[in-house]
Amino acid sequence: MKYGSHPLNLFVRFILELIVLIVVGILGLKFSSGIEKYVFMIVGSVLLATIWGVFNVPEDSSRSGKAV
């Protein structure tokens, strides 16, 4: 088993990633008003998840390795 690919480690990483995306959504709701707060909530979370997926660690054994 490669370093960092233990199922418990992968579960903790997944939960932490979800928490960060939720926090970004909450910040979008909290620091905006009107309809913009929902736009910031959704766009901020999707943008962060996209950036997170594109700029991952190249030799990370828990990822597919197909990202740039």
C-alpha atoms as a PDB file:
ATOM      1  CA  MET A   1       0.000   0.000   0.000  1.00  0.00           C
ATOM      2  CA  LYS A   2       1.415   3.357  -1.004  1.00  0.00           C
ATOM      3  CA  TYR A   3       1.904   6.135   1.494  1.00  0.00           C
ATOM      4  CA  GLY A   4      -1.307   8.083   2.102  1.00  0.00           C
ATOM      5  CA  SER A   5      -3.650   5.658   0.385  1.00  0.00           C
ATOM      6  CA  HIS A   6      -5.006   3.971   3.491  1.00  0.00           C
ATOM      7  CA  PRO A   7      -8.835   4.036   3.367  1.00  0.00           C
ATOM      8  CA  LEU A   8      -9.059   5.957   6.640  1.00  0.00           C
ATOM      9  CA  ASN A   9      -6.696   8.645   5.319  1.00  0.00           C
ATOM     10  CA  LEU A  10      -8.699   8.910   2.119  1.00  0.00           C
ATOM     11  CA  PHE A  11     -11.925   9.228   4.123  1.00  0.00           C
ATOM     12  CA  VAL A  12     -10.466  12.012   6.290  1.00  0.00           C
ATOM     13  CA  ARG A  13      -9.218  13.864   3.193  1.00  0.00           C
ATOM     14  CA  PHE A  14     -12.642  13.566   1.565  1.00  0.00           C
ATOM     15  CA  ILE A  15     -14.427  14.886   4.662  1.00  0.00           C
ATOM     16  CA  LEU A  16     -11.985  17.806   4.947  1.00  0.00           C
ATOM     17  CA  GLU A  17     -12.519  18.699   1.296  1.00  0.00           C
ATOM     18  CA  LEU A  18     -16.288  18.672   1.807  1.00  0.00           C
ATOM     19  CA  ILE A  19     -15.950  20.872   4.896  1.00  0.00           C
ATOM     20  CA  VAL A  20     -13.895  23.436   2.972  1.00  0.00           C
ATOM     21  CA  LEU A  21     -16.450  23.538   0.144  1.00  0.00           C
ATOM     22  CA  ILE A  22     -19.269  23.990   2.652  1.00  0.00           C
ATOM     23  CA  VAL A  23     -17.392  26.786   4.424  1.00  0.00           C
ATOM     24  CA  VAL A  24     -16.844  28.596   1.114  1.00  0.00           C
ATOM     25  CA  GLY A  25     -20.571  28.322   0.440  1.00  0.00           C
ATOM     26  CA  ILE A  26     -21.407  29.672   3.893  1.00  0.00           C
ATOM     27  CA  LEU A  27     -19.028  32.592   3.385  1.00  0.00           C
ATOM     28  CA  GLY A  28     -20.780  33.380   0.108  1.00  0.00           C
ATOM     29  CA  LEU A  29     -24.095  33.458   1.959  1.00  0.00           C
ATOM     30  CA  LYS A  30     -22.824  35.466   4.897  1.00  0.00           C
ATOM     31  CA  PHE A  31     -20.943  38.258   3.137  1.00  0.00           C
ATOM     32  CA  SER A  32     -23.469  38.972   0.381  1.00  0.00           C
ATOM     33  CA  SER A  33     -27.071  40.065   0.214  1.00  0.00           C
ATOM     34  CA  GLY A  34     -29.992  39.518  -2.103  1.00  0.00           C
ATOM     35  CA  ILE A  35     -29.776  37.026  -4.911  1.00  0.00           C
ATOM     36  CA  GLU A  36     -25.998  37.458  -5.141  1.00  0.00           C
ATOM     37  CA  LYS A  37     -25.488  35.422  -2.000  1.00  0.00           C
ATOM     38  CA  TYR A  38     -26.817  32.301  -3.706  1.00  0.00           C
ATOM     39  CA  VAL A  39     -24.738  32.975  -6.799  1.00  0.00           C
ATOM     40  CA  PHE A  40     -21.587  33.459  -4.706  1.00  0.00           C
ATOM     41  CA  MET A  41     -22.387  30.326  -2.716  1.00  0.00           C
ATOM     42  CA  ILE A  42     -22.704  28.102  -5.787  1.00  0.00           C
ATOM     43  CA  VAL A  43     -20.073  29.721  -8.017  1.00  0.00           C
ATOM     44  CA  GLY A  44     -17.516  29.951  -5.214  1.00  0.00           C
ATOM     45  CA  SER A  45     -17.852  26.279  -4.306  1.00  0.00           C
ATOM     46  CA  VAL A  46     -17.791  25.088  -7.920  1.00  0.00           C
ATOM     47  CA  LEU A  47     -14.827  27.325  -8.761  1.00  0.00           C
ATOM     48  CA  LEU A  48     -12.856  26.106  -5.755  1.00  0.00           C
ATOM     49  CA  ALA A  49     -13.620  22.460  -6.549  1.00  0.00           C
ATOM     50  CA  THR A  50     -12.533  22.985 -10.163  1.00  0.00           C
ATOM     51  CA  ILE A  51      -9.272  24.653  -9.171  1.00  0.00           C
ATOM     52  CA  TRP A  52      -8.692  21.955  -6.573  1.00  0.00           C
ATOM     53  CA  GLY A  53      -9.162  19.229  -9.189  1.00  0.00           C
ATOM     54  CA  VAL A  54      -6.983  20.850 -11.833  1.00  0.00           C
ATOM     55  CA  PHE A  55      -4.029  21.738  -9.633  1.00  0.00           C
ATOM     56  CA  ASN A  56      -3.585  18.522  -7.677  1.00  0.00           C
ATOM     57  CA  VAL A  57      -0.297  16.883  -6.701  1.00  0.00           C
ATOM     58  CA  PRO A  58       1.074  15.097  -9.801  1.00  0.00           C
ATOM     59  CA  GLU A  59       2.291  11.917  -8.075  1.00  0.00           C
ATOM     60  CA  ASP A  60      -0.569  11.592  -5.574  1.00  0.00           C
ATOM     61  CA  SER A  61      -1.366   7.901  -5.335  1.00  0.00           C
ATOM     62  CA  SER A  62      -4.982   8.540  -4.374  1.00  0.00           C
ATOM     63  CA  ARG A  63      -5.749  10.376  -7.614  1.00  0.00           C
ATOM     64  CA  SER A  64      -5.946   9.070 -11.169  1.00  0.00           C
ATOM     65  CA  GLY A  65      -2.993  11.141 -12.342  1.00  0.00           C
ATOM     66  CA  LYS A  66      -4.870  12.433 -15.398  1.00  0.00           C
ATOM     67  CA  ALA A  67      -5.020  16.072 -14.296  1.00  0.00           C
ATOM     68  CA  VAL A  68      -2.670  18.680 -15.695  1.00  0.00           C
END
